Amino acid sequence: MTLLLLALSGCLTSSGPCTAYCDYVCDCHGDDPEYSCQDCYTVYGGGDAELQDECETALADLRQADQAAGLTCDDTTDTGA
């Protein structure tokens, strides 16, 4: 049981583009039925290296769409860029 908790906490606390993307979705679109915070972490929370580019692109696209729509968000997501 302890090993399972450690593994789960490692997935949720890892950093990178997928964590940044899901954090942004949760922080800025938590009430939007088009986005699901839980689903984002389920799909991207494993830290799969193959998904990192996809997450980075998805985050940039979502931020750009939000900005174009005039939506503001005080997220604390840092992409390291």
C-alpha atoms as a PDB file:
ATOM      1  CA  MET A   1       0.000   0.000   0.000  1.00  0.00           C
ATOM      2  CA  THR A   2       2.820   2.402   0.861  1.00  0.00           C
ATOM      3  CA  LEU A   3       4.482   1.728  -2.472  1.00  0.00           C
ATOM      4  CA  LEU A   4       1.238   2.538  -4.292  1.00  0.00           C
ATOM      5  CA  LEU A   5       0.919   5.849  -2.450  1.00  0.00           C
ATOM      6  CA  LEU A   6       4.510   6.757  -3.234  1.00  0.00           C
ATOM      7  CA  ALA A   7       4.033   5.927  -6.900  1.00  0.00           C
ATOM      8  CA  LEU A   8       0.812   7.919  -7.090  1.00  0.00           C
ATOM      9  CA  SER A   9       2.283  10.939  -5.343  1.00  0.00           C
ATOM     10  CA  GLY A  10       5.269  10.798  -7.698  1.00  0.00           C
ATOM     11  CA  CYS A  11       2.956  11.032 -10.697  1.00  0.00           C
ATOM     12  CA  LEU A  12       1.034  13.932  -9.280  1.00  0.00           C
ATOM     13  CA  THR A  13       4.078  15.920  -8.229  1.00  0.00           C
ATOM     14  CA  SER A  14       6.230  15.429 -11.300  1.00  0.00           C
ATOM     15  CA  SER A  15       6.906  18.515 -13.317  1.00  0.00           C
ATOM     16  CA  GLY A  16       7.031  19.042 -17.027  1.00  0.00           C
ATOM     17  CA  PRO A  17       4.840  20.101 -19.907  1.00  0.00           C
ATOM     18  CA  CYS A  18       2.053  17.636 -19.143  1.00  0.00           C
ATOM     19  CA  THR A  19       1.840  18.679 -15.510  1.00  0.00           C
ATOM     20  CA  ALA A  20       1.865  22.333 -16.598  1.00  0.00           C
ATOM     21  CA  TYR A  21      -0.913  21.660 -19.119  1.00  0.00           C
ATOM     22  CA  CYS A  22      -3.110  19.826 -16.628  1.00  0.00           C
ATOM     23  CA  ASP A  23      -2.455  22.462 -13.954  1.00  0.00           C
ATOM     24  CA  TYR A  24      -3.571  25.132 -16.422  1.00  0.00           C
ATOM     25  CA  VAL A  25      -6.692  23.151 -17.369  1.00  0.00           C
ATOM     26  CA  CYS A  26      -7.576  22.706 -13.691  1.00  0.00           C
ATOM     27  CA  ASP A  27      -6.788  26.291 -12.675  1.00  0.00           C
ATOM     28  CA  CYS A  28      -8.304  28.077 -15.657  1.00  0.00           C
ATOM     29  CA  HIS A  29     -10.975  25.750 -17.017  1.00  0.00           C
ATOM     30  CA  GLY A  30     -12.112  23.889 -13.926  1.00  0.00           C
ATOM     31  CA  ASP A  31     -15.722  25.003 -14.394  1.00  0.00           C
ATOM     32  CA  ASP A  32     -15.724  24.500 -18.161  1.00  0.00           C
ATOM     33  CA  PRO A  33     -17.549  21.295 -19.175  1.00  0.00           C
ATOM     34  CA  GLU A  34     -15.290  21.021 -22.266  1.00  0.00           C
ATOM     35  CA  TYR A  35     -12.321  20.259 -20.007  1.00  0.00           C
ATOM     36  CA  SER A  36     -11.898  17.762 -17.225  1.00  0.00           C
ATOM     37  CA  CYS A  37      -9.131  18.223 -14.710  1.00  0.00           C
ATOM     38  CA  GLN A  38      -9.319  14.593 -13.621  1.00  0.00           C
ATOM     39  CA  ASP A  39      -9.306  13.281 -17.194  1.00  0.00           C
ATOM     40  CA  CYS A  40      -6.284  15.429 -18.035  1.00  0.00           C
ATOM     41  CA  TYR A  41      -4.262  13.933 -15.196  1.00  0.00           C
ATOM     42  CA  THR A  42      -5.511  10.460 -16.053  1.00  0.00           C
ATOM     43  CA  VAL A  43      -4.346  10.786 -19.668  1.00  0.00           C
ATOM     44  CA  TYR A  44      -1.194  12.874 -19.201  1.00  0.00           C
ATOM     45  CA  GLY A  45      -0.240  12.375 -15.562  1.00  0.00           C
ATOM     46  CA  GLY A  46       2.033   9.408 -16.116  1.00  0.00           C
ATOM     47  CA  GLY A  47       4.936  11.507 -17.326  1.00  0.00           C
ATOM     48  CA  ASP A  48       5.189   9.574 -20.596  1.00  0.00           C
ATOM     49  CA  ALA A  49       8.087  11.145 -22.491  1.00  0.00           C
ATOM     50  CA  GLU A  50       6.278  10.649 -25.801  1.00  0.00           C
ATOM     51  CA  LEU A  51       3.441  12.927 -24.646  1.00  0.00           C
ATOM     52  CA  GLN A  52       5.577  15.854 -23.486  1.00  0.00           C
ATOM     53  CA  ASP A  53       5.664  17.601 -26.883  1.00  0.00           C
ATOM     54  CA  GLU A  54       1.920  17.094 -27.272  1.00  0.00           C
ATOM     55  CA  CYS A  55       1.307  18.645 -23.848  1.00  0.00           C
ATOM     56  CA  GLU A  56       3.586  21.588 -24.552  1.00  0.00           C
ATOM     57  CA  THR A  57       1.746  22.302 -27.797  1.00  0.00           C
ATOM     58  CA  ALA A  58      -1.674  21.840 -26.180  1.00  0.00           C
ATOM     59  CA  LEU A  59      -0.790  24.285 -23.401  1.00  0.00           C
ATOM     60  CA  ALA A  60       0.484  26.918 -25.842  1.00  0.00           C
ATOM     61  CA  ASP A  61      -2.599  26.503 -28.032  1.00  0.00           C
ATOM     62  CA  LEU A  62      -4.993  26.721 -25.083  1.00  0.00           C
ATOM     63  CA  ARG A  63      -3.291  29.821 -23.694  1.00  0.00           C
ATOM     64  CA  GLN A  64      -3.376  31.444 -27.137  1.00  0.00           C
ATOM     65  CA  ALA A  65      -7.076  30.580 -27.584  1.00  0.00           C
ATOM     66  CA  ASP A  66      -7.859  31.968 -24.128  1.00  0.00           C
ATOM     67  CA  GLN A  67      -5.985  35.169 -24.887  1.00  0.00           C
ATOM     68  CA  ALA A  68      -7.747  35.560 -28.260  1.00  0.00           C
ATOM     69  CA  ALA A  69     -11.109  35.026 -26.545  1.00  0.00           C
ATOM     70  CA  GLY A  70     -10.247  37.637 -23.929  1.00  0.00           C
ATOM     71  CA  LEU A  71     -10.188  35.112 -21.121  1.00  0.00           C
ATOM     72  CA  THR A  72      -7.760  35.803 -18.329  1.00  0.00           C
ATOM     73  CA  CYS A  73      -6.414  33.362 -15.837  1.00  0.00           C
ATOM     74  CA  ASP A  74      -4.126  33.894 -12.898  1.00  0.00           C
ATOM     75  CA  ASP A  75      -2.584  30.446 -13.190  1.00  0.00           C
ATOM     76  CA  THR A  76       0.750  29.751 -11.573  1.00  0.00           C
ATOM     77  CA  THR A  77       1.881  27.414 -14.330  1.00  0.00           C
ATOM     78  CA  ASP A  78       5.511  27.881 -15.275  1.00  0.00           C
ATOM     79  CA  THR A  79       6.620  26.212 -18.472  1.00  0.00           C
ATOM     80  CA  GLY A  80      10.246  27.120 -17.927  1.00  0.00           C
ATOM     81  CA  ALA A  81      10.292  29.158 -21.108  1.00  0.00           C
END
